[in-house]
Amino acid sequence: MKRIIIPFVLIVILAFQGVAMELLPPSIKFAKVYLTPHWILIFLILVAGFVYPQKPMIPIIYAAVFGLMTDIVYTGVLGVYMFVIAMSLYVAQLLYRLLQVNLLMVSVISIISLLIVEISLLAIYSLIGYSTMPLGDFFIYRFLPTILANILFLIIIYLPSRRLLLWSSDGDAL
């Protein structure tokens, strides 16, 4: 039973990730800033740190599967989120080997991972002609609000997720 907790939570996060923008007040939703919730990545960073520190392929498989699900549900181009989230999570796992697993370090790792995701998405979508946002506008109007919103999400879910993940792993992660 404990083995299905992580996929179940990821499915719930995938559903709420799309609804999150609709719950924002109109003053934020229709402003010039773009908030992009990357909650699956944030939760997978916690999974990689607390449940699978010695088995790095399992979170990357989760990242690829749920990245593809994100592509299918929310974007028009298949494979972009699948690749970018998995690559970003791989970098996060490399950083976990150097840093401790606490809220501050998880926040730093999350910011670096979000930077990788956002710049990779901008580069890929610019190459295929989906995005024409200049780099300066990207950092001011998309990257900084996205970082703030996702770090706020991390702070909110850190303790409950940590307890849930440590309980679900029971010391022997698959």
N, C-alpha and C. Protein backbone atom coordinates (compact mmCIF):
# COMPACT_ATOMS: atom_id res chain seq x y z
N MET A 1 0.82 -1.20 0.00
CA MET A 1 0.00 0.00 0.00
C MET A 1 0.86 1.26 0.00
N LYS A 2 1.95 1.22 0.75
CA LYS A 2 2.81 2.40 0.83
C LYS A 2 3.49 2.71 -0.50
N ARG A 3 3.58 1.71 -1.38
CA ARG A 3 4.27 1.89 -2.65
C ARG A 3 3.50 2.77 -3.62
N ILE A 4 2.20 2.87 -3.46
CA ILE A 4 1.43 3.67 -4.40
C ILE A 4 1.23 5.12 -3.95
N ILE A 5 1.79 5.47 -2.80
CA ILE A 5 1.61 6.83 -2.29
C ILE A 5 2.25 7.86 -3.20
N ILE A 6 3.48 7.63 -3.62
CA ILE A 6 4.18 8.62 -4.45
C ILE A 6 3.47 8.81 -5.79
N PRO A 7 3.14 7.75 -6.54
CA PRO A 7 2.40 7.99 -7.79
C PRO A 7 1.04 8.65 -7.56
N PHE A 8 0.35 8.28 -6.48
CA PHE A 8 -0.94 8.90 -6.19
C PHE A 8 -0.78 10.40 -5.92
N VAL A 9 0.20 10.76 -5.11
CA VAL A 9 0.43 12.18 -4.82
C VAL A 9 0.81 12.94 -6.10
N LEU A 10 1.61 12.31 -6.95
CA LEU A 10 2.00 12.96 -8.20
C LEU A 10 0.80 13.19 -9.12
N ILE A 11 -0.13 12.25 -9.15
CA ILE A 11 -1.34 12.43 -9.96
C ILE A 11 -2.20 13.56 -9.41
N VAL A 12 -2.32 13.63 -8.09
CA VAL A 12 -3.09 14.71 -7.46
C VAL A 12 -2.42 16.06 -7.75
N ILE A 13 -1.10 16.10 -7.64
CA ILE A 13 -0.38 17.35 -7.92
C ILE A 13 -0.55 17.75 -9.38
N LEU A 14 -0.51 16.78 -10.29
CA LEU A 14 -0.71 17.07 -11.71
C LEU A 14 -2.08 17.71 -11.95
N ALA A 15 -3.08 17.22 -11.27
CA ALA A 15 -4.42 17.79 -11.43
C ALA A 15 -4.50 19.19 -10.85
N PHE A 16 -3.97 19.37 -9.64
CA PHE A 16 -4.04 20.69 -8.98
C PHE A 16 -3.13 21.72 -9.63
N GLN A 17 -2.08 21.27 -10.28
CA GLN A 17 -1.15 22.19 -10.93
C GLN A 17 -1.86 22.99 -12.02
N GLY A 18 -2.77 22.36 -12.72
CA GLY A 18 -3.51 23.07 -13.75
C GLY A 18 -4.59 23.98 -13.22
N VAL A 19 -5.15 23.63 -12.06
CA VAL A 19 -6.21 24.42 -11.46
C VAL A 19 -5.64 25.63 -10.71
N ALA A 20 -4.38 25.56 -10.34
CA ALA A 20 -3.77 26.60 -9.50
C ALA A 20 -3.87 27.99 -10.12
N MET A 21 -3.69 28.09 -11.41
CA MET A 21 -3.73 29.41 -12.05
C MET A 21 -5.14 30.00 -12.03
N GLU A 22 -6.15 29.16 -12.06
CA GLU A 22 -7.52 29.64 -12.04
C GLU A 22 -7.92 30.16 -10.66
N LEU A 23 -7.24 29.72 -9.62
CA LEU A 23 -7.57 30.14 -8.27
C LEU A 23 -6.93 31.47 -7.88
N LEU A 24 -6.02 31.97 -8.71
CA LEU A 24 -5.37 33.25 -8.41
C LEU A 24 -6.34 34.41 -8.61
N PRO A 25 -6.15 35.49 -7.87
CA PRO A 25 -7.00 36.67 -8.08
C PRO A 25 -6.76 37.25 -9.48
N PRO A 26 -7.77 37.88 -10.06
CA PRO A 26 -7.63 38.44 -11.42
C PRO A 26 -6.50 39.46 -11.55
N SER A 27 -6.18 40.17 -10.47
CA SER A 27 -5.10 41.15 -10.55
C SER A 27 -3.75 40.49 -10.81
N ILE A 28 -3.58 39.26 -10.37
CA ILE A 28 -2.34 38.52 -10.64
C ILE A 28 -2.47 37.73 -11.93
N LYS A 29 -3.63 37.12 -12.12
CA LYS A 29 -3.82 36.24 -13.27
C LYS A 29 -3.72 36.99 -14.60
N PHE A 30 -4.21 38.21 -14.64
CA PHE A 30 -4.21 38.97 -15.89
C PHE A 30 -3.14 40.05 -15.91
N ALA A 31 -2.18 39.98 -15.02
CA ALA A 31 -1.07 40.93 -15.00
C ALA A 31 -0.05 40.54 -16.06
N LYS A 32 1.00 41.30 -16.17
CA LYS A 32 2.04 41.05 -17.16
C LYS A 32 2.97 39.91 -16.74
N VAL A 33 2.91 39.52 -15.48
CA VAL A 33 3.78 38.44 -14.99
C VAL A 33 3.16 37.08 -15.31
N TYR A 34 4.03 36.09 -15.46
CA TYR A 34 3.60 34.73 -15.75
C TYR A 34 4.09 33.81 -14.64
N LEU A 35 3.16 33.24 -13.91
CA LEU A 35 3.49 32.26 -12.88
C LEU A 35 3.29 30.87 -13.48
N THR A 36 4.31 30.05 -13.38
CA THR A 36 4.20 28.68 -13.87
C THR A 36 4.42 27.73 -12.71
N PRO A 37 3.40 27.00 -12.30
CA PRO A 37 3.61 26.04 -11.21
C PRO A 37 4.35 24.81 -11.72
N HIS A 38 5.46 24.51 -11.09
CA HIS A 38 6.23 23.30 -11.38
C HIS A 38 6.20 22.40 -10.15
N TRP A 39 5.00 22.12 -9.68
CA TRP A 39 4.84 21.40 -8.43
C TRP A 39 5.29 19.95 -8.53
N ILE A 40 5.16 19.34 -9.69
CA ILE A 40 5.63 17.97 -9.85
C ILE A 40 7.14 17.93 -9.65
N LEU A 41 7.85 18.87 -10.23
CA LEU A 41 9.30 18.93 -10.05
C LEU A 41 9.67 19.14 -8.59
N ILE A 42 8.99 20.06 -7.92
CA ILE A 42 9.28 20.32 -6.52
C ILE A 42 9.07 19.07 -5.68
N PHE A 43 7.95 18.38 -5.89
CA PHE A 43 7.70 17.17 -5.12
C PHE A 43 8.71 16.08 -5.45
N LEU A 44 9.09 15.96 -6.72
CA LEU A 44 10.08 14.95 -7.10
C LEU A 44 11.46 15.26 -6.53
N ILE A 45 11.78 16.53 -6.33
CA ILE A 45 13.03 16.89 -5.67
C ILE A 45 13.01 16.38 -4.23
N LEU A 46 11.87 16.51 -3.57
CA LEU A 46 11.73 15.96 -2.21
C LEU A 46 11.80 14.44 -2.23
N VAL A 47 11.18 13.81 -3.20
CA VAL A 47 11.23 12.35 -3.31
C VAL A 47 12.66 11.88 -3.50
N ALA A 48 13.40 12.56 -4.36
CA ALA A 48 14.79 12.18 -4.62
C ALA A 48 15.66 12.32 -3.38
N GLY A 49 15.37 13.31 -2.56
CA GLY A 49 16.18 13.53 -1.37
C GLY A 49 15.83 12.64 -0.19
N PHE A 50 14.54 12.35 -0.02
CA PHE A 50 14.12 11.63 1.17
C PHE A 50 13.87 10.13 0.95
N VAL A 51 13.44 9.75 -0.23
CA VAL A 51 13.06 8.35 -0.43
C VAL A 51 14.11 7.58 -1.21
N TYR A 52 14.66 8.16 -2.25
CA TYR A 52 15.56 7.43 -3.14
C TYR A 52 16.94 8.08 -3.27
N PRO A 53 17.63 8.35 -2.17
CA PRO A 53 18.95 8.96 -2.33
C PRO A 53 19.98 8.00 -2.95
N GLN A 54 19.79 6.70 -2.77
CA GLN A 54 20.75 5.72 -3.30
C GLN A 54 20.30 5.09 -4.61
N LYS A 55 19.08 5.36 -5.04
CA LYS A 55 18.55 4.79 -6.28
C LYS A 55 18.06 5.91 -7.18
N PRO A 56 18.97 6.57 -7.90
CA PRO A 56 18.59 7.78 -8.64
C PRO A 56 17.71 7.57 -9.86
N MET A 57 17.64 6.36 -10.39
CA MET A 57 16.85 6.16 -11.61
C MET A 57 15.34 6.19 -11.34
N ILE A 58 14.90 5.80 -10.17
CA ILE A 58 13.46 5.74 -9.90
C ILE A 58 12.82 7.13 -9.96
N PRO A 59 13.39 8.16 -9.29
CA PRO A 59 12.79 9.50 -9.45
C PRO A 59 12.88 10.04 -10.88
N ILE A 60 13.92 9.67 -11.61
CA ILE A 60 14.03 10.13 -13.00
C ILE A 60 12.95 9.48 -13.86
N ILE A 61 12.64 8.21 -13.58
CA ILE A 61 11.54 7.55 -14.31
C ILE A 61 10.22 8.24 -13.98
N TYR A 62 9.99 8.54 -12.68
CA TYR A 62 8.79 9.29 -12.31
C TYR A 62 8.75 10.64 -13.05
N ALA A 63 9.90 11.31 -13.12
CA ALA A 63 9.97 12.61 -13.79
C ALA A 63 9.63 12.49 -15.27
N ALA A 64 10.14 11.46 -15.92
CA ALA A 64 9.86 11.27 -17.34
C ALA A 64 8.38 10.95 -17.57
N VAL A 65 7.82 10.07 -16.76
CA VAL A 65 6.42 9.67 -16.93
C VAL A 65 5.49 10.86 -16.65
N PHE A 66 5.71 11.56 -15.53
CA PHE A 66 4.81 12.66 -15.20
C PHE A 66 5.12 13.91 -16.03
N GLY A 67 6.34 14.03 -16.55
CA GLY A 67 6.63 15.09 -17.52
C GLY A 67 5.86 14.85 -18.81
N LEU A 68 5.82 13.59 -19.26
CA LEU A 68 5.04 13.26 -20.45
C LEU A 68 3.55 13.50 -20.20
N MET A 69 3.07 13.16 -19.01
CA MET A 69 1.67 13.42 -18.68
C MET A 69 1.39 14.92 -18.69
N THR A 70 2.32 15.72 -18.21
CA THR A 70 2.18 17.18 -18.25
C THR A 70 2.12 17.65 -19.69
N ASP A 71 2.97 17.08 -20.56
CA ASP A 71 2.93 17.44 -21.98
C ASP A 71 1.59 17.09 -22.59
N ILE A 72 1.07 15.92 -22.28
CA ILE A 72 -0.20 15.48 -22.86
C ILE A 72 -1.36 16.35 -22.39
N VAL A 73 -1.38 16.67 -21.09
CA VAL A 73 -2.52 17.39 -20.53
C VAL A 73 -2.45 18.89 -20.79
N TYR A 74 -1.27 19.51 -20.66
CA TYR A 74 -1.20 20.96 -20.63
C TYR A 74 -0.50 21.63 -21.80
N THR A 75 0.30 20.91 -22.58
CA THR A 75 1.04 21.58 -23.65
C THR A 75 0.68 20.97 -25.00
N GLY A 76 1.12 21.61 -26.04
CA GLY A 76 0.84 21.12 -27.38
C GLY A 76 2.00 20.37 -28.00
N VAL A 77 3.13 20.33 -27.31
CA VAL A 77 4.32 19.68 -27.85
C VAL A 77 4.70 18.53 -26.91
N LEU A 78 4.73 17.33 -27.42
CA LEU A 78 5.05 16.17 -26.59
C LEU A 78 6.56 16.00 -26.41
N GLY A 79 6.95 15.67 -25.19
CA GLY A 79 8.33 15.34 -24.90
C GLY A 79 9.16 16.45 -24.29
N VAL A 80 8.69 17.68 -24.36
CA VAL A 80 9.49 18.79 -23.85
C VAL A 80 9.59 18.73 -22.33
N TYR A 81 8.47 18.70 -21.66
CA TYR A 81 8.49 18.62 -20.20
C TYR A 81 9.07 17.29 -19.73
N MET A 82 8.83 16.23 -20.47
CA MET A 82 9.38 14.93 -20.11
C MET A 82 10.91 15.00 -20.04
N PHE A 83 11.51 15.59 -21.04
CA PHE A 83 12.96 15.72 -21.08
C PHE A 83 13.48 16.71 -20.04
N VAL A 84 12.86 17.88 -19.99
CA VAL A 84 13.36 18.97 -19.15
C VAL A 84 13.24 18.64 -17.66
N ILE A 85 12.13 18.07 -17.24
CA ILE A 85 11.96 17.73 -15.82
C ILE A 85 12.93 16.62 -15.42
N ALA A 86 13.09 15.60 -16.28
CA ALA A 86 14.02 14.52 -15.96
C ALA A 86 15.46 15.03 -15.89
N MET A 87 15.84 15.90 -16.82
CA MET A 87 17.19 16.46 -16.80
C MET A 87 17.42 17.31 -15.55
N SER A 88 16.45 18.12 -15.22
CA SER A 88 16.56 18.98 -14.04
C SER A 88 16.64 18.16 -12.76
N LEU A 89 15.87 17.09 -12.69
CA LEU A 89 15.90 16.22 -11.51
C LEU A 89 17.24 15.50 -11.39
N TYR A 90 17.82 15.15 -12.52
CA TYR A 90 19.16 14.53 -12.50
C TYR A 90 20.18 15.49 -11.90
N VAL A 91 20.12 16.75 -12.28
CA VAL A 91 21.03 17.76 -11.71
C VAL A 91 20.76 17.91 -10.22
N ALA A 92 19.49 17.89 -9.82
CA ALA A 92 19.15 17.99 -8.39
C ALA A 92 19.75 16.82 -7.62
N GLN A 93 19.72 15.63 -8.21
CA GLN A 93 20.29 14.47 -7.53
C GLN A 93 21.81 14.60 -7.41
N LEU A 94 22.45 15.17 -8.40
CA LEU A 94 23.89 15.42 -8.29
C LEU A 94 24.19 16.41 -7.17
N LEU A 95 23.35 17.42 -7.03
CA LEU A 95 23.54 18.40 -5.97
C LEU A 95 23.28 17.80 -4.59
N TYR A 96 22.36 16.84 -4.50
CA TYR A 96 22.11 16.18 -3.22
C TYR A 96 23.34 15.44 -2.72
N ARG A 97 24.19 15.00 -3.62
CA ARG A 97 25.42 14.31 -3.19
C ARG A 97 26.39 15.26 -2.50
N LEU A 98 26.27 16.55 -2.79
CA LEU A 98 27.16 17.56 -2.22
C LEU A 98 26.57 18.26 -1.00
N LEU A 99 25.24 18.32 -0.94
CA LEU A 99 24.57 19.14 0.08
C LEU A 99 23.73 18.26 1.00
N GLN A 100 23.42 18.80 2.17
CA GLN A 100 22.54 18.11 3.11
C GLN A 100 21.08 18.27 2.68
N VAL A 101 20.25 17.41 3.22
CA VAL A 101 18.83 17.49 2.91
C VAL A 101 18.12 18.21 4.06
N ASN A 102 18.00 19.53 3.93
CA ASN A 102 17.21 20.34 4.86
C ASN A 102 16.49 21.40 4.04
N LEU A 103 15.64 22.17 4.66
CA LEU A 103 14.80 23.10 3.91
C LEU A 103 15.62 24.11 3.12
N LEU A 104 16.67 24.64 3.69
CA LEU A 104 17.48 25.63 2.99
C LEU A 104 18.15 25.03 1.76
N MET A 105 18.75 23.87 1.92
CA MET A 105 19.44 23.24 0.79
C MET A 105 18.46 22.75 -0.27
N VAL A 106 17.32 22.24 0.17
CA VAL A 106 16.29 21.83 -0.80
C VAL A 106 15.79 23.06 -1.56
N SER A 107 15.70 24.21 -0.90
CA SER A 107 15.30 25.44 -1.58
C SER A 107 16.34 25.85 -2.62
N VAL A 108 17.61 25.76 -2.27
CA VAL A 108 18.68 26.09 -3.22
C VAL A 108 18.64 25.14 -4.41
N ILE A 109 18.51 23.85 -4.13
CA ILE A 109 18.44 22.85 -5.20
C ILE A 109 17.21 23.10 -6.07
N SER A 110 16.10 23.47 -5.46
CA SER A 110 14.88 23.75 -6.22
C SER A 110 15.04 24.97 -7.11
N ILE A 111 15.68 26.00 -6.61
CA ILE A 111 15.90 27.20 -7.43
C ILE A 111 16.78 26.87 -8.62
N ILE A 112 17.84 26.11 -8.41
CA ILE A 112 18.72 25.71 -9.52
C ILE A 112 17.96 24.85 -10.51
N SER A 113 17.16 23.92 -10.02
CA SER A 113 16.37 23.05 -10.90
C SER A 113 15.33 23.86 -11.69
N LEU A 114 14.69 24.80 -11.03
CA LEU A 114 13.71 25.64 -11.72
C LEU A 114 14.39 26.52 -12.77
N LEU A 115 15.58 26.99 -12.48
CA LEU A 115 16.35 27.77 -13.46
C LEU A 115 16.63 26.92 -14.69
N ILE A 116 17.05 25.67 -14.47
CA ILE A 116 17.32 24.76 -15.58
C ILE A 116 16.05 24.52 -16.40
N VAL A 117 14.94 24.26 -15.71
CA VAL A 117 13.68 23.99 -16.40
C VAL A 117 13.24 25.20 -17.22
N GLU A 118 13.22 26.36 -16.60
CA GLU A 118 12.70 27.54 -17.28
C GLU A 118 13.58 27.96 -18.46
N ILE A 119 14.88 27.93 -18.29
CA ILE A 119 15.77 28.32 -19.40
C ILE A 119 15.70 27.27 -20.52
N SER A 120 15.61 26.00 -20.15
CA SER A 120 15.49 24.95 -21.17
C SER A 120 14.18 25.08 -21.93
N LEU A 121 13.09 25.34 -21.21
CA LEU A 121 11.81 25.53 -21.89
C LEU A 121 11.84 26.73 -22.82
N LEU A 122 12.44 27.83 -22.37
CA LEU A 122 12.55 29.02 -23.21
C LEU A 122 13.38 28.71 -24.45
N ALA A 123 14.49 28.00 -24.28
CA ALA A 123 15.35 27.68 -25.42
C ALA A 123 14.64 26.76 -26.41
N ILE A 124 14.00 25.71 -25.90
CA ILE A 124 13.32 24.76 -26.79
C ILE A 124 12.15 25.43 -27.51
N TYR A 125 11.34 26.16 -26.76
CA TYR A 125 10.19 26.81 -27.39
C TYR A 125 10.61 27.93 -28.34
N SER A 126 11.74 28.57 -28.08
CA SER A 126 12.25 29.58 -29.01
C SER A 126 12.74 28.92 -30.30
N LEU A 127 13.38 27.77 -30.17
CA LEU A 127 13.88 27.06 -31.35
C LEU A 127 12.75 26.60 -32.26
N ILE A 128 11.64 26.17 -31.68
CA ILE A 128 10.54 25.69 -32.51
C ILE A 128 9.53 26.78 -32.84
N GLY A 129 9.78 27.99 -32.35
CA GLY A 129 8.95 29.13 -32.73
C GLY A 129 7.73 29.37 -31.86
N TYR A 130 7.64 28.74 -30.70
CA TYR A 130 6.49 28.94 -29.81
C TYR A 130 6.66 30.17 -28.92
N SER A 131 7.88 30.58 -28.69
CA SER A 131 8.12 31.69 -27.76
C SER A 131 9.04 32.71 -28.41
N THR A 132 8.72 33.98 -28.20
CA THR A 132 9.56 35.06 -28.72
C THR A 132 9.92 36.05 -27.61
N MET A 133 9.86 35.60 -26.36
CA MET A 133 10.12 36.48 -25.23
C MET A 133 11.62 36.77 -25.12
N PRO A 134 12.01 38.05 -25.06
CA PRO A 134 13.42 38.37 -24.87
C PRO A 134 13.91 37.90 -23.49
N LEU A 135 15.20 37.64 -23.39
CA LEU A 135 15.76 37.08 -22.16
C LEU A 135 15.57 38.00 -20.95
N GLY A 136 15.71 39.30 -21.14
CA GLY A 136 15.51 40.25 -20.03
C GLY A 136 14.08 40.22 -19.51
N ASP A 137 13.12 40.24 -20.43
CA ASP A 137 11.71 40.14 -20.02
C ASP A 137 11.42 38.80 -19.38
N PHE A 138 12.06 37.75 -19.89
CA PHE A 138 11.87 36.42 -19.33
C PHE A 138 12.23 36.39 -17.85
N PHE A 139 13.39 36.95 -17.48
CA PHE A 139 13.82 36.91 -16.09
C PHE A 139 12.94 37.76 -15.19
N ILE A 140 12.48 38.89 -15.68
CA ILE A 140 11.67 39.78 -14.84
C ILE A 140 10.22 39.32 -14.73
N TYR A 141 9.62 38.97 -15.85
CA TYR A 141 8.19 38.70 -15.87
C TYR A 141 7.81 37.22 -15.75
N ARG A 142 8.75 36.32 -15.96
CA ARG A 142 8.39 34.91 -15.85
C ARG A 142 9.23 34.18 -14.81
N PHE A 143 10.55 34.31 -14.88
CA PHE A 143 11.41 33.50 -14.02
C PHE A 143 11.26 33.88 -12.55
N LEU A 144 11.39 35.14 -12.20
CA LEU A 144 11.30 35.55 -10.79
C LEU A 144 9.93 35.24 -10.17
N PRO A 145 8.80 35.55 -10.83
CA PRO A 145 7.52 35.16 -10.23
C PRO A 145 7.36 33.64 -10.11
N THR A 146 7.88 32.90 -11.08
CA THR A 146 7.79 31.45 -11.02
C THR A 146 8.62 30.90 -9.86
N ILE A 147 9.81 31.44 -9.67
CA ILE A 147 10.66 31.01 -8.55
C ILE A 147 9.96 31.29 -7.22
N LEU A 148 9.44 32.49 -7.06
CA LEU A 148 8.79 32.85 -5.81
C LEU A 148 7.57 31.97 -5.53
N ALA A 149 6.76 31.73 -6.53
CA ALA A 149 5.55 30.92 -6.34
C ALA A 149 5.91 29.47 -6.01
N ASN A 150 6.91 28.92 -6.68
CA ASN A 150 7.27 27.53 -6.44
C ASN A 150 8.03 27.34 -5.12
N ILE A 151 8.81 28.31 -4.71
CA ILE A 151 9.48 28.22 -3.41
C ILE A 151 8.44 28.36 -2.29
N LEU A 152 7.45 29.18 -2.49
CA LEU A 152 6.35 29.26 -1.52
C LEU A 152 5.64 27.91 -1.42
N PHE A 153 5.41 27.26 -2.55
CA PHE A 153 4.81 25.93 -2.54
C PHE A 153 5.70 24.94 -1.80
N LEU A 154 7.00 25.02 -2.03
CA LEU A 154 7.95 24.13 -1.34
C LEU A 154 7.90 24.32 0.17
N ILE A 155 7.87 25.56 0.61
CA ILE A 155 7.83 25.85 2.04
C ILE A 155 6.53 25.29 2.66
N ILE A 156 5.43 25.40 1.93
CA ILE A 156 4.15 24.91 2.45
C ILE A 156 4.14 23.38 2.55
N ILE A 157 4.69 22.69 1.55
CA ILE A 157 4.58 21.23 1.55
C ILE A 157 5.78 20.52 2.15
N TYR A 158 6.83 21.22 2.53
CA TYR A 158 8.06 20.57 2.96
C TYR A 158 7.84 19.60 4.12
N LEU A 159 7.33 20.09 5.24
CA LEU A 159 7.17 19.22 6.41
C LEU A 159 6.16 18.09 6.21
N PRO A 160 4.95 18.38 5.68
CA PRO A 160 4.03 17.25 5.46
C PRO A 160 4.57 16.22 4.46
N SER A 161 5.21 16.70 3.40
CA SER A 161 5.78 15.78 2.41
C SER A 161 6.93 14.99 2.99
N ARG A 162 7.75 15.64 3.77
CA ARG A 162 8.88 14.94 4.39
C ARG A 162 8.37 13.81 5.28
N ARG A 163 7.38 14.10 6.10
CA ARG A 163 6.82 13.07 6.98
C ARG A 163 6.18 11.94 6.18
N LEU A 164 5.42 12.30 5.16
CA LEU A 164 4.77 11.29 4.32
C LEU A 164 5.80 10.43 3.59
N LEU A 165 6.81 11.06 3.04
CA LEU A 165 7.82 10.32 2.27
C LEU A 165 8.67 9.42 3.18
N LEU A 166 9.04 9.92 4.34
CA LEU A 166 9.80 9.08 5.26
C LEU A 166 8.95 7.92 5.77
N TRP A 167 7.66 8.15 6.01
CA TRP A 167 6.76 7.08 6.43
C TRP A 167 6.59 6.05 5.30
N SER A 168 6.44 6.54 4.08
CA SER A 168 6.19 5.62 2.97
C SER A 168 7.42 4.80 2.61
N SER A 169 8.60 5.36 2.85
CA SER A 169 9.81 4.61 2.50
C SER A 169 10.13 3.56 3.56
N ASP A 170 9.79 3.82 4.81
CA ASP A 170 10.00 2.87 5.91
C ASP A 170 11.44 2.38 5.99
N GLY A 171 12.36 3.20 5.52
CA GLY A 171 13.76 2.82 5.60
C GLY A 171 14.23 1.93 4.46
N ASP A 172 13.32 1.39 3.66
CA ASP A 172 13.72 0.53 2.55
C ASP A 172 13.00 0.96 1.29
N ALA A 173 13.55 1.95 0.62
CA ALA A 173 12.95 2.45 -0.61
C ALA A 173 13.16 1.44 -1.74
N LEU A 174 12.18 1.39 -2.61
CA LEU A 174 12.26 0.48 -3.76
C LEU A 174 13.23 1.00 -4.77
